[in-house]
Amino acid sequence: MDDKIKILLEKLSIDESHYNHFLNAVLTKIKLNQKEKKCIIYIENNTMFDNEIIKELDEKKNLISPDIKDVKIVYDFKEKNKEIFKNKKT
C-alpha cells in the first residue's frame, strides 16, 4: 500500500477492514488553496472502488483538516467496470 494513501486513510478514520481496497491505490496529488480553504485530493487505482468505499471517503473527507472548508476527491480508475456503466444506461 502506498504510504501516502495509508496516511490519508488514517487521517479520515477509514475502517481498517476497507484498507484492502487500497492496496494498489496511489495518492497522486493534493492541491491546497489555503486562501479559499479548499483541497482537492487525487487518487489513482487500477480498478473502480465499490460504491460503499466511495461513500465512506465522501462522508469523511472533511476530517482532513478543520481549517479546510471544501474537500473534493478526484478518482482516476485505469480499468472501468463496464457492467456498472451498462446498468446505468438502461
N, C-alpha and C. Protein backbone atom coordinates (compact mmCIF):
# COMPACT_ATOMS: atom_id res chain seq x y z
N MET A 1 0.85 -1.19 0.00
CA MET A 1 0.00 0.00 0.00
C MET A 1 0.89 1.24 0.00
N ASP A 2 0.49 2.22 -0.80
CA ASP A 2 1.19 3.50 -0.87
C ASP A 2 1.17 4.17 0.51
N ASP A 3 2.32 4.65 0.95
CA ASP A 3 2.41 5.28 2.28
C ASP A 3 1.49 6.49 2.41
N LYS A 4 1.39 7.27 1.34
CA LYS A 4 0.53 8.47 1.39
C LYS A 4 -0.94 8.10 1.52
N ILE A 5 -1.35 7.03 0.82
CA ILE A 5 -2.74 6.56 0.93
C ILE A 5 -3.01 6.10 2.36
N LYS A 6 -2.07 5.38 2.94
CA LYS A 6 -2.26 4.89 4.30
C LYS A 6 -2.43 6.05 5.28
N ILE A 7 -1.62 7.08 5.14
CA ILE A 7 -1.73 8.26 6.00
C ILE A 7 -3.10 8.92 5.82
N LEU A 8 -3.54 9.03 4.56
CA LEU A 8 -4.85 9.62 4.28
C LEU A 8 -5.97 8.80 4.92
N LEU A 9 -5.92 7.49 4.77
CA LEU A 9 -6.96 6.62 5.34
C LEU A 9 -7.00 6.75 6.86
N GLU A 10 -5.84 6.82 7.47
CA GLU A 10 -5.79 7.00 8.92
C GLU A 10 -6.36 8.35 9.32
N LYS A 11 -6.00 9.39 8.58
CA LYS A 11 -6.48 10.76 8.88
C LYS A 11 -8.00 10.84 8.76
N LEU A 12 -8.56 10.10 7.80
CA LEU A 12 -10.01 10.13 7.57
C LEU A 12 -10.76 9.09 8.40
N SER A 13 -10.04 8.36 9.24
CA SER A 13 -10.63 7.32 10.09
C SER A 13 -11.41 6.29 9.27
N ILE A 14 -10.83 5.88 8.16
CA ILE A 14 -11.45 4.84 7.34
C ILE A 14 -11.27 3.51 8.06
N ASP A 15 -12.32 2.72 8.09
CA ASP A 15 -12.30 1.43 8.75
C ASP A 15 -11.17 0.57 8.16
N GLU A 16 -10.33 0.02 9.03
CA GLU A 16 -9.17 -0.77 8.58
C GLU A 16 -9.58 -1.99 7.76
N SER A 17 -10.79 -2.48 7.95
CA SER A 17 -11.24 -3.63 7.14
C SER A 17 -11.41 -3.24 5.67
N HIS A 18 -11.42 -1.96 5.37
CA HIS A 18 -11.54 -1.48 3.98
C HIS A 18 -10.19 -1.19 3.33
N TYR A 19 -9.13 -1.29 4.09
CA TYR A 19 -7.80 -0.99 3.56
C TYR A 19 -7.44 -1.87 2.37
N ASN A 20 -7.98 -3.10 2.33
CA ASN A 20 -7.65 -3.99 1.22
C ASN A 20 -8.07 -3.43 -0.14
N HIS A 21 -9.02 -2.52 -0.17
CA HIS A 21 -9.45 -1.88 -1.42
C HIS A 21 -8.40 -0.91 -1.95
N PHE A 22 -7.47 -0.53 -1.10
CA PHE A 22 -6.48 0.50 -1.45
C PHE A 22 -5.08 -0.06 -1.65
N LEU A 23 -4.94 -1.37 -1.76
CA LEU A 23 -3.62 -1.98 -1.87
C LEU A 23 -2.84 -1.48 -3.10
N ASN A 24 -3.54 -1.21 -4.20
CA ASN A 24 -2.89 -0.74 -5.43
C ASN A 24 -3.15 0.73 -5.70
N ALA A 25 -3.81 1.41 -4.77
CA ALA A 25 -4.14 2.82 -4.97
C ALA A 25 -2.93 3.70 -4.68
N VAL A 26 -2.91 4.83 -5.36
CA VAL A 26 -1.82 5.80 -5.17
C VAL A 26 -2.44 7.18 -5.00
N LEU A 27 -1.99 7.89 -3.99
CA LEU A 27 -2.38 9.28 -3.83
C LEU A 27 -1.41 10.07 -4.72
N THR A 28 -1.90 10.55 -5.85
CA THR A 28 -1.01 11.16 -6.84
C THR A 28 -0.75 12.64 -6.60
N LYS A 29 -1.72 13.33 -5.99
CA LYS A 29 -1.54 14.76 -5.82
C LYS A 29 -2.55 15.30 -4.81
N ILE A 30 -2.16 16.34 -4.11
CA ILE A 30 -3.08 17.10 -3.26
C ILE A 30 -2.89 18.57 -3.62
N LYS A 31 -3.98 19.19 -4.05
CA LYS A 31 -3.94 20.63 -4.33
C LYS A 31 -4.59 21.35 -3.16
N LEU A 32 -3.87 22.29 -2.61
CA LEU A 32 -4.37 23.02 -1.45
C LEU A 32 -4.40 24.50 -1.75
N ASN A 33 -5.56 25.10 -1.54
CA ASN A 33 -5.71 26.54 -1.70
C ASN A 33 -6.05 27.08 -0.30
N GLN A 34 -5.03 27.54 0.39
CA GLN A 34 -5.23 27.99 1.77
C GLN A 34 -6.07 29.26 1.84
N LYS A 35 -5.94 30.10 0.84
CA LYS A 35 -6.71 31.36 0.84
C LYS A 35 -8.21 31.08 0.79
N GLU A 36 -8.61 30.16 -0.09
CA GLU A 36 -10.03 29.82 -0.23
C GLU A 36 -10.44 28.63 0.66
N LYS A 37 -9.45 28.06 1.37
CA LYS A 37 -9.68 26.93 2.26
C LYS A 37 -10.30 25.74 1.52
N LYS A 38 -9.67 25.41 0.36
CA LYS A 38 -10.13 24.30 -0.46
C LYS A 38 -9.00 23.30 -0.66
N CYS A 39 -9.40 22.05 -0.83
CA CYS A 39 -8.43 20.98 -1.03
C CYS A 39 -9.00 19.99 -2.06
N ILE A 40 -8.15 19.57 -2.99
CA ILE A 40 -8.53 18.53 -3.95
C ILE A 40 -7.52 17.39 -3.81
N ILE A 41 -8.03 16.20 -3.57
CA ILE A 41 -7.20 15.01 -3.39
C ILE A 41 -7.37 14.13 -4.62
N TYR A 42 -6.27 13.74 -5.23
CA TYR A 42 -6.29 12.91 -6.43
C TYR A 42 -5.83 11.49 -6.08
N ILE A 43 -6.69 10.52 -6.35
CA ILE A 43 -6.39 9.12 -6.07
C ILE A 43 -6.48 8.31 -7.36
N GLU A 44 -5.46 7.51 -7.60
CA GLU A 44 -5.42 6.66 -8.79
C GLU A 44 -5.47 5.21 -8.34
N ASN A 45 -6.25 4.40 -9.07
CA ASN A 45 -6.34 2.97 -8.77
C ASN A 45 -6.59 2.22 -10.08
N ASN A 46 -6.15 0.98 -10.13
CA ASN A 46 -6.35 0.19 -11.35
C ASN A 46 -7.82 -0.09 -11.61
N THR A 47 -8.57 -0.44 -10.58
CA THR A 47 -9.99 -0.76 -10.74
C THR A 47 -10.83 0.21 -9.93
N MET A 48 -12.12 0.22 -10.25
CA MET A 48 -13.03 1.11 -9.55
C MET A 48 -13.25 0.62 -8.12
N PHE A 49 -13.43 1.56 -7.22
CA PHE A 49 -13.78 1.22 -5.84
C PHE A 49 -15.27 0.88 -5.78
N ASP A 50 -15.63 0.05 -4.80
CA ASP A 50 -17.05 -0.22 -4.56
C ASP A 50 -17.72 1.08 -4.13
N ASN A 51 -19.02 1.16 -4.37
CA ASN A 51 -19.78 2.36 -4.00
C ASN A 51 -19.68 2.67 -2.52
N GLU A 52 -19.65 1.63 -1.67
CA GLU A 52 -19.58 1.87 -0.22
C GLU A 52 -18.26 2.52 0.17
N ILE A 53 -17.18 2.21 -0.54
CA ILE A 53 -15.88 2.81 -0.26
C ILE A 53 -15.89 4.29 -0.65
N ILE A 54 -16.43 4.58 -1.82
CA ILE A 54 -16.51 5.98 -2.28
C ILE A 54 -17.41 6.77 -1.34
N LYS A 55 -18.50 6.16 -0.91
CA LYS A 55 -19.42 6.84 0.01
C LYS A 55 -18.73 7.15 1.35
N GLU A 56 -17.97 6.17 1.85
CA GLU A 56 -17.26 6.38 3.13
C GLU A 56 -16.23 7.50 3.00
N LEU A 57 -15.47 7.52 1.90
CA LEU A 57 -14.50 8.59 1.68
C LEU A 57 -15.21 9.95 1.59
N ASP A 58 -16.32 9.97 0.89
CA ASP A 58 -17.06 11.22 0.73
C ASP A 58 -17.61 11.73 2.06
N GLU A 59 -18.09 10.82 2.88
CA GLU A 59 -18.65 11.21 4.18
C GLU A 59 -17.58 11.72 5.14
N LYS A 60 -16.36 11.21 5.01
CA LYS A 60 -15.31 11.54 5.97
C LYS A 60 -14.25 12.50 5.44
N LYS A 61 -14.38 12.93 4.20
CA LYS A 61 -13.33 13.76 3.58
C LYS A 61 -13.07 15.07 4.32
N ASN A 62 -14.06 15.60 4.98
CA ASN A 62 -13.86 16.87 5.69
C ASN A 62 -13.06 16.72 6.98
N LEU A 63 -12.73 15.50 7.35
CA LEU A 63 -11.87 15.27 8.51
C LEU A 63 -10.41 15.56 8.20
N ILE A 64 -10.12 15.85 6.94
CA ILE A 64 -8.73 16.10 6.51
C ILE A 64 -8.10 17.22 7.33
N SER A 65 -8.88 18.25 7.62
CA SER A 65 -8.39 19.36 8.45
C SER A 65 -9.56 20.26 8.84
N PRO A 66 -9.58 20.71 10.08
CA PRO A 66 -10.66 21.62 10.49
C PRO A 66 -10.59 22.98 9.79
N ASP A 67 -9.41 23.32 9.25
CA ASP A 67 -9.24 24.61 8.58
C ASP A 67 -9.72 24.59 7.12
N ILE A 68 -9.89 23.42 6.56
CA ILE A 68 -10.31 23.29 5.16
C ILE A 68 -11.82 23.14 5.12
N LYS A 69 -12.46 24.01 4.36
CA LYS A 69 -13.93 24.02 4.31
C LYS A 69 -14.50 23.21 3.15
N ASP A 70 -13.73 23.05 2.08
CA ASP A 70 -14.22 22.35 0.89
C ASP A 70 -13.18 21.34 0.44
N VAL A 71 -13.53 20.05 0.53
CA VAL A 71 -12.63 18.98 0.13
C VAL A 71 -13.29 18.19 -0.98
N LYS A 72 -12.56 18.00 -2.06
CA LYS A 72 -13.04 17.18 -3.17
C LYS A 72 -12.04 16.05 -3.38
N ILE A 73 -12.55 14.89 -3.78
CA ILE A 73 -11.70 13.76 -4.13
C ILE A 73 -11.93 13.43 -5.59
N VAL A 74 -10.85 13.37 -6.35
CA VAL A 74 -10.91 13.05 -7.78
C VAL A 74 -10.30 11.67 -7.95
N TYR A 75 -11.06 10.78 -8.58
CA TYR A 75 -10.60 9.41 -8.79
C TYR A 75 -10.18 9.21 -10.24
N ASP A 76 -9.10 8.47 -10.43
CA ASP A 76 -8.65 8.08 -11.76
C ASP A 76 -8.55 6.56 -11.76
N PHE A 77 -9.58 5.91 -12.31
CA PHE A 77 -9.61 4.45 -12.39
C PHE A 77 -9.13 4.02 -13.76
N LYS A 78 -8.08 3.22 -13.80
CA LYS A 78 -7.49 2.79 -15.08
C LYS A 78 -8.40 1.82 -15.82
N GLU A 79 -9.00 0.89 -15.10
CA GLU A 79 -9.90 -0.09 -15.71
C GLU A 79 -11.31 0.18 -15.21
N LYS A 80 -12.15 0.69 -16.09
CA LYS A 80 -13.53 0.99 -15.72
C LYS A 80 -14.34 -0.31 -15.66
N ASN A 81 -15.28 -0.40 -14.75
CA ASN A 81 -16.16 -1.55 -14.66
C ASN A 81 -17.28 -1.37 -15.66
N LYS A 82 -17.19 -2.07 -16.77
CA LYS A 82 -18.15 -1.90 -17.87
C LYS A 82 -19.56 -2.29 -17.47
N GLU A 83 -19.71 -3.25 -16.57
CA GLU A 83 -21.04 -3.67 -16.12
C GLU A 83 -21.77 -2.53 -15.42
N ILE A 84 -21.07 -1.76 -14.61
CA ILE A 84 -21.70 -0.63 -13.91
C ILE A 84 -22.19 0.38 -14.93
N PHE A 85 -21.39 0.68 -15.94
CA PHE A 85 -21.79 1.65 -16.96
C PHE A 85 -22.96 1.13 -17.78
N LYS A 86 -23.00 -0.17 -18.10
CA LYS A 86 -24.11 -0.74 -18.84
C LYS A 86 -25.40 -0.58 -18.06
N ASN A 87 -25.35 -0.88 -16.76
CA ASN A 87 -26.55 -0.82 -15.94
C ASN A 87 -27.07 0.61 -15.80
N LYS A 88 -26.22 1.59 -15.81
CA LYS A 88 -26.66 2.97 -15.68
C LYS A 88 -27.38 3.46 -16.93
N LYS A 89 -27.04 2.91 -18.08
CA LYS A 89 -27.66 3.34 -19.34
C LYS A 89 -29.07 2.81 -19.50
N THR A 90 -29.39 1.71 -18.85
CA THR A 90 -30.70 1.09 -19.04
C THR A 90 -31.73 1.68 -18.13
